[in-house]
């Protein structure tokens, strides 16, 4: 009997030890598994939106800024692949509407383009850019009256000597109808008068190159392309084409730089647009690239082109 009781006591002791070990081990495994899961979740949260692919197209006036910002973003997020293409504002608006790109850049409001479902797009005004009439440096003209500017682009004035310049035939260099730069220049520089036929180029870079190599040439470019003395920006009605005069509303030819998304952005698109609105870009890169932060404007415009003092 004593041996039987001793055997039962020993058996209970081993059973208790085994149970405690099992509980301890289970607790340890559970803690470890929870820790791993939590670690993976945290890692996922940290990586969310900073990797993957992002396709951007549209405004050539915006391309220098967006391309430079994309390079900075990728330097901080090496797993992000961002492709920035131009093609004009119409292209950007069409492609983002169709869902073939994630962000469509435009110099004009989506409401201004026929066939664009503006109510399906979300507007992100990332900047403002001025646009100026630009001539070959040897044209002999520094300033032009707005009425004369319209006559030049509608073909009524054909030689620079009529404006006090050289005896040189005027060569018009235009952007295509899909261009937001063209739309802005025609609306605010030519009061919606249709330009005469001339050379037409898809790229602002090509426009600049042609004007720099062609005596007598005139076109129009965003301030962001006026980085050297190969072309000359004209004052209009005595008002210099510069950021200060755009901000105050004295210089009339300017546009918002819109980045449109189809609905509210998420993932990498949201991360990149947030980066575009960060101080590093708004107060740093943007000014270096020749753009104006929208927040610095003293005036504002609506989709119909009405300019008012900013509230």
Protein backbone atom coordinates (compact mmCIF):
# COMPACT_ATOMS: atom_id res chain seq x y z
CA UNK A 1 0.00 0.00 0.00
CA UNK A 2 2.78 2.39 0.87
CA UNK A 3 4.48 1.58 -2.44
CA UNK A 4 1.27 2.23 -4.36
CA UNK A 5 0.76 5.64 -2.72
CA UNK A 6 4.37 6.56 -3.41
CA UNK A 7 3.98 5.58 -7.06
CA UNK A 8 0.82 7.71 -7.40
CA UNK A 9 2.55 10.67 -5.74
CA UNK A 10 5.53 10.46 -8.10
CA UNK A 11 3.23 10.12 -11.13
CA UNK A 12 1.29 13.23 -10.10
CA UNK A 13 4.51 15.14 -9.60
CA UNK A 14 5.76 14.32 -13.10
CA UNK A 15 2.35 15.16 -14.58
CA UNK A 16 2.39 18.57 -12.86
CA UNK A 17 5.93 19.32 -14.12
CA UNK A 18 4.91 18.29 -17.67
CA UNK A 19 1.83 20.51 -17.54
CA UNK A 20 3.83 23.52 -16.34
CA UNK A 21 6.43 22.96 -19.04
CA UNK A 22 3.72 22.72 -21.68
CA UNK A 23 2.07 25.93 -20.50
CA UNK A 24 5.37 27.75 -20.36
CA UNK A 25 6.35 26.50 -23.80
CA UNK A 26 2.97 27.41 -25.23
CA UNK A 27 3.21 30.85 -23.75
CA UNK A 28 6.67 31.27 -25.17
CA UNK A 29 5.63 30.11 -28.65
CA UNK A 30 2.53 32.26 -28.57
CA UNK A 31 4.56 35.28 -27.51
CA UNK A 32 7.10 34.56 -30.20
CA UNK A 33 4.45 34.07 -32.88
CA UNK A 34 2.59 37.21 -31.83
CA UNK A 35 5.85 39.13 -31.82
CA UNK A 36 6.71 37.91 -35.31
CA UNK A 37 3.24 38.74 -36.59
CA UNK A 38 3.38 42.17 -35.01
CA UNK A 39 6.85 42.74 -36.44
CA UNK A 40 5.67 41.73 -39.90
CA UNK A 41 2.61 43.99 -39.60
CA UNK A 42 4.77 46.93 -38.50
CA UNK A 43 7.15 46.27 -41.36
CA UNK A 44 4.22 46.14 -43.74
CA UNK A 45 2.93 49.47 -42.40
CA UNK A 46 6.34 51.08 -42.76
CA UNK A 47 6.68 49.89 -46.36
CA UNK A 48 3.11 50.63 -47.36
CA UNK A 49 3.00 53.11 -50.28
CA UNK A 50 6.79 53.41 -50.59
CA UNK A 51 7.30 50.64 -53.10
CA UNK A 52 5.73 49.55 -56.37
CA UNK A 53 5.26 51.33 -59.69
CA UNK A 54 3.79 54.75 -60.46
CA UNK A 55 3.01 56.04 -63.97
CA UNK A 56 2.72 59.81 -64.52
CA UNK A 57 2.09 61.69 -67.78
CA UNK A 58 0.89 65.03 -69.09
CA UNK A 59 2.02 68.65 -68.95
CA UNK A 60 5.47 69.35 -70.36
CA UNK A 61 5.54 72.56 -68.29
CA UNK A 62 5.37 70.37 -65.18
CA UNK A 63 7.75 67.68 -66.36
CA UNK A 64 11.02 69.24 -65.05
CA UNK A 65 9.55 69.65 -61.56
CA UNK A 66 7.85 66.27 -61.35
CA UNK A 67 10.83 64.41 -62.81
CA UNK A 68 13.22 66.07 -60.33
CA UNK A 69 10.85 65.36 -57.42
CA UNK A 70 10.55 61.74 -58.56
CA UNK A 71 14.33 61.36 -58.46
CA UNK A 72 14.45 62.74 -54.91
CA UNK A 73 11.59 60.46 -53.84
CA UNK A 74 13.30 57.40 -55.34
CA UNK A 75 16.54 58.25 -53.57
CA UNK A 76 14.64 57.97 -50.28
CA UNK A 77 12.53 55.02 -51.44
CA UNK A 78 14.69 52.83 -53.67
CA UNK A 79 11.94 50.22 -54.11
CA UNK A 80 9.69 52.78 -55.83
CA UNK A 81 9.62 52.85 -59.63
CA UNK A 82 8.27 56.17 -60.95
CA UNK A 83 7.99 56.89 -64.67
CA UNK A 84 7.37 60.54 -65.66
CA UNK A 85 6.36 61.28 -69.26
CA UNK A 86 5.15 64.45 -70.97
CA UNK A 87 2.80 64.46 -73.98
CA UNK A 88 0.74 67.52 -73.04
CA UNK A 89 -2.02 68.27 -70.56
CA UNK A 90 -4.71 66.73 -72.76
CA UNK A 91 -2.79 63.46 -72.81
CA UNK A 92 -2.34 63.47 -69.03
CA UNK A 93 -6.03 64.14 -68.41
CA UNK A 94 -7.16 61.51 -70.90
CA UNK A 95 -4.79 58.85 -69.61
CA UNK A 96 -5.58 59.36 -65.92
CA UNK A 97 -9.32 59.31 -66.76
CA UNK A 98 -8.86 56.02 -68.62
CA UNK A 99 -6.76 54.60 -65.79
CA UNK A 100 -3.67 54.00 -67.96
CA UNK A 101 -1.60 56.24 -65.66
CA UNK A 102 -1.84 56.91 -61.92
CA UNK A 103 -1.33 60.70 -62.10
CA UNK A 104 -2.18 63.04 -64.97
CA UNK A 105 -0.43 66.42 -64.91
CA UNK A 106 -2.13 69.44 -66.45
CA UNK A 107 -1.68 73.19 -66.85
CA UNK A 108 -5.45 73.59 -67.18
CA UNK A 109 -8.46 72.60 -65.11
CA UNK A 110 -9.99 69.29 -66.17
CA UNK A 111 -13.25 71.17 -66.71
CA UNK A 112 -11.62 73.10 -69.55
CA UNK A 113 -10.96 70.00 -71.66
CA UNK A 114 -13.77 68.48 -73.72
CA UNK A 115 -14.45 64.82 -73.12
CA UNK A 116 -12.77 64.70 -69.70
CA UNK A 117 -14.98 63.45 -66.82
CA UNK A 118 -13.81 66.13 -64.39
CA UNK A 119 -16.26 64.93 -61.72
CA UNK A 120 -14.40 61.61 -61.57
CA UNK A 121 -10.99 63.22 -61.01
CA UNK A 122 -9.41 64.71 -57.90
CA UNK A 123 -7.42 67.92 -58.37
CA UNK A 124 -4.13 68.47 -56.53
CA UNK A 125 -2.78 71.98 -57.20
CA UNK A 126 0.91 71.45 -56.53
CA UNK A 127 2.33 74.69 -57.96
CA UNK A 128 1.93 77.73 -60.21
CA UNK A 129 4.03 78.54 -63.24
CA UNK A 130 4.28 81.69 -65.32
CA UNK A 131 4.45 81.48 -69.11
CA UNK A 132 6.04 84.06 -71.33
CA UNK A 133 6.32 84.92 -75.02
CA UNK A 134 9.87 83.94 -75.94
CA UNK A 135 12.01 85.11 -78.87
CA UNK A 136 15.41 84.55 -80.41
CA UNK A 137 17.93 86.77 -78.57
CA UNK A 138 18.67 88.73 -81.76
CA UNK A 139 15.06 89.75 -82.45
CA UNK A 140 15.81 93.25 -81.16
CA UNK A 141 12.66 93.44 -79.02
CA UNK A 142 12.49 93.53 -75.21
CA UNK A 143 8.86 94.39 -74.53
CA UNK A 144 5.63 93.89 -76.45
CA UNK A 145 2.15 95.31 -76.06
CA UNK A 146 -0.50 92.68 -75.59
CA UNK A 147 -2.39 93.93 -78.63
CA UNK A 148 0.77 93.58 -80.73
CA UNK A 149 1.39 90.13 -79.28
CA UNK A 150 -2.02 89.07 -80.57
CA UNK A 151 -1.24 90.56 -83.99
CA UNK A 152 2.06 88.67 -84.13
CA UNK A 153 0.48 85.32 -83.34
CA UNK A 154 -2.50 85.83 -85.64
CA UNK A 155 -0.20 86.75 -88.53
CA UNK A 156 -1.12 90.44 -88.81
CA UNK A 157 2.43 91.52 -87.93
CA UNK A 158 4.98 89.54 -89.96
CA UNK A 159 8.31 91.33 -89.46
CA UNK A 160 10.12 92.41 -86.29
CA UNK A 161 10.89 95.83 -87.78
CA UNK A 162 7.18 96.66 -87.36
CA UNK A 163 7.81 96.50 -83.63
CA UNK A 164 11.13 98.34 -83.62
CA UNK A 165 13.22 95.20 -83.98
CA UNK A 166 15.39 93.85 -86.78
CA UNK A 167 14.29 93.58 -90.39
CA UNK A 168 13.59 89.90 -89.87
CA UNK A 169 10.61 87.75 -90.81
CA UNK A 170 8.71 86.44 -87.80
CA UNK A 171 8.57 82.66 -87.44
CA UNK A 172 5.80 81.32 -85.18
CA UNK A 173 6.53 78.27 -83.03
CA UNK A 174 3.44 76.74 -81.43
CA UNK A 175 2.48 73.79 -79.26
CA UNK A 176 -0.31 71.41 -80.41
CA UNK A 177 -3.95 71.77 -79.40
CA UNK A 178 -3.54 69.17 -76.65
CA UNK A 179 -0.95 71.32 -74.88
CA UNK A 180 -1.90 73.03 -71.63
CA UNK A 181 0.90 75.54 -72.20
CA UNK A 182 -0.72 76.51 -75.49
CA UNK A 183 -4.18 76.70 -73.88
CA UNK A 184 -2.86 78.96 -71.11
CA UNK A 185 -0.97 81.22 -73.51
CA UNK A 186 -3.92 81.51 -75.90
CA UNK A 187 -6.37 82.25 -73.09
CA UNK A 188 -4.35 84.78 -71.10
CA UNK A 189 -1.82 86.04 -73.64
CA UNK A 190 -3.96 86.19 -76.79
CA UNK A 191 -7.40 86.65 -75.22
CA UNK A 192 -8.52 83.41 -76.91
CA UNK A 193 -7.60 84.49 -80.44
CA UNK A 194 -6.49 81.53 -82.57
CA UNK A 195 -2.79 81.51 -83.52
CA UNK A 196 -1.84 81.41 -87.19
CA UNK A 197 -0.13 78.33 -88.58
CA UNK A 198 3.56 77.96 -87.97
CA UNK A 199 5.94 75.34 -86.65
CA UNK A 200 4.18 73.03 -84.16
CA UNK A 201 6.12 70.94 -81.66
CA UNK A 202 4.97 68.49 -78.98
CA UNK A 203 7.78 69.29 -76.54
CA UNK A 204 8.67 72.54 -74.78
CA UNK A 205 12.31 71.48 -74.95
CA UNK A 206 12.05 71.29 -78.75
CA UNK A 207 10.27 74.65 -78.89
CA UNK A 208 13.13 76.20 -76.93
CA UNK A 209 15.74 74.62 -79.20
CA UNK A 210 14.03 75.83 -82.39
CA UNK A 211 13.67 79.40 -81.08
CA UNK A 212 17.30 79.48 -79.96
CA UNK A 213 18.47 78.39 -83.43
CA UNK A 214 16.04 80.38 -85.60
CA UNK A 215 16.46 84.14 -86.01
CA UNK A 216 13.05 85.76 -86.02
CA UNK A 217 11.40 82.94 -84.07
CA UNK A 218 8.81 83.51 -81.35
CA UNK A 219 7.00 80.98 -79.18
CA UNK A 220 5.97 80.59 -75.55
CA UNK A 221 7.47 78.70 -72.65
CA UNK A 222 6.93 78.14 -68.95
CA UNK A 223 9.36 80.07 -66.72
CA UNK A 224 10.85 76.72 -65.71
CA UNK A 225 12.46 76.49 -69.16
CA UNK A 226 14.09 79.94 -68.96
CA UNK A 227 17.29 78.64 -67.42
CA UNK A 228 19.86 80.25 -69.75
CA UNK A 229 20.29 83.03 -72.32
CA UNK A 230 19.66 80.94 -75.44
CA UNK A 231 16.15 82.43 -75.65
CA UNK A 232 14.69 85.72 -74.39
CA UNK A 233 11.41 86.22 -72.52
CA UNK A 234 9.51 89.38 -73.45
CA UNK A 235 7.86 91.75 -71.01
CA UNK A 236 4.17 92.34 -71.77
CA UNK A 237 2.79 95.89 -71.54
CA UNK A 238 5.91 96.85 -69.60
CA UNK A 239 5.45 94.12 -66.97
CA UNK A 240 8.43 91.80 -66.60
CA UNK A 241 7.81 88.07 -66.83
CA UNK A 242 8.95 87.00 -63.36
CA UNK A 243 7.66 85.21 -60.26
CA UNK A 244 6.97 88.38 -58.27
CA UNK A 245 4.68 89.80 -60.95
CA UNK A 246 2.89 86.48 -61.34
CA UNK A 247 2.31 86.19 -57.58
CA UNK A 248 0.83 89.69 -57.43
CA UNK A 249 -1.32 89.11 -60.51
CA UNK A 250 0.36 91.88 -62.55
CA UNK A 251 1.70 89.47 -65.15
CA UNK A 252 -1.36 87.78 -66.65
CA UNK A 253 0.02 84.60 -68.25
CA UNK A 254 0.19 81.92 -65.58
CA UNK A 255 -1.41 78.62 -64.68
CA UNK A 256 -1.85 76.23 -61.80
CA UNK A 257 0.12 73.04 -62.11
CA UNK A 258 -2.45 70.33 -61.45
CA UNK A 259 -1.77 66.70 -60.62
CA UNK A 260 -5.01 64.78 -61.16
CA UNK A 261 -5.87 61.34 -59.82
CA UNK A 262 -8.87 59.18 -60.60
CA UNK A 263 -10.67 59.53 -57.29
CA UNK A 264 -8.76 59.95 -54.05
CA UNK A 265 -5.16 58.70 -54.29
CA UNK A 266 -3.79 55.88 -52.16
CA UNK A 267 -0.63 53.83 -51.86
CA UNK A 268 2.38 55.11 -53.77
CA UNK A 269 0.38 57.83 -55.57
CA UNK A 270 -0.67 59.35 -52.23
CA UNK A 271 2.86 59.06 -50.81
CA UNK A 272 4.32 60.84 -53.85
CA UNK A 273 1.73 63.63 -53.88
CA UNK A 274 2.26 64.18 -50.15
CA UNK A 275 5.98 64.40 -50.91
CA UNK A 276 5.26 66.99 -53.64
CA UNK A 277 3.49 69.15 -51.03
CA UNK A 278 6.27 68.77 -48.43
CA UNK A 279 8.51 71.70 -47.46
CA UNK A 280 11.49 70.05 -49.15
CA UNK A 281 9.73 70.36 -52.50
CA UNK A 282 7.54 73.44 -51.98
CA UNK A 283 10.24 75.62 -50.43
CA UNK A 284 13.31 73.97 -51.95
CA UNK A 285 13.20 72.13 -55.24
CA UNK A 286 10.20 74.03 -56.57
CA UNK A 287 11.92 77.40 -56.37
CA UNK A 288 15.13 75.97 -57.79
CA UNK A 289 13.18 74.65 -60.77
CA UNK A 290 11.44 77.96 -61.50
CA UNK A 291 7.97 77.24 -60.05
CA UNK A 292 5.88 79.11 -57.49
CA UNK A 293 4.22 77.37 -54.53
CA UNK A 294 0.44 77.83 -54.89
CA UNK A 295 0.36 79.00 -51.26
CA UNK A 296 2.51 82.03 -52.17
CA UNK A 297 0.00 83.44 -54.67
CA UNK A 298 -1.72 86.73 -53.80
CA UNK A 299 -4.41 86.05 -56.41
CA UNK A 300 -6.34 82.98 -57.46
CA UNK A 301 -8.26 81.77 -60.52
CA UNK A 302 -11.21 79.51 -61.13
CA UNK A 303 -11.79 77.13 -64.03
CA UNK A 304 -13.41 79.93 -66.02
CA UNK A 305 -10.29 82.08 -65.76
CA UNK A 306 -11.68 84.69 -63.38
CA UNK A 307 -8.85 86.17 -61.30
CA UNK A 308 -9.54 87.54 -57.82
CA UNK A 309 -7.60 88.59 -54.77
CA UNK A 310 -6.79 85.55 -52.67
CA UNK A 311 -8.80 85.37 -49.45
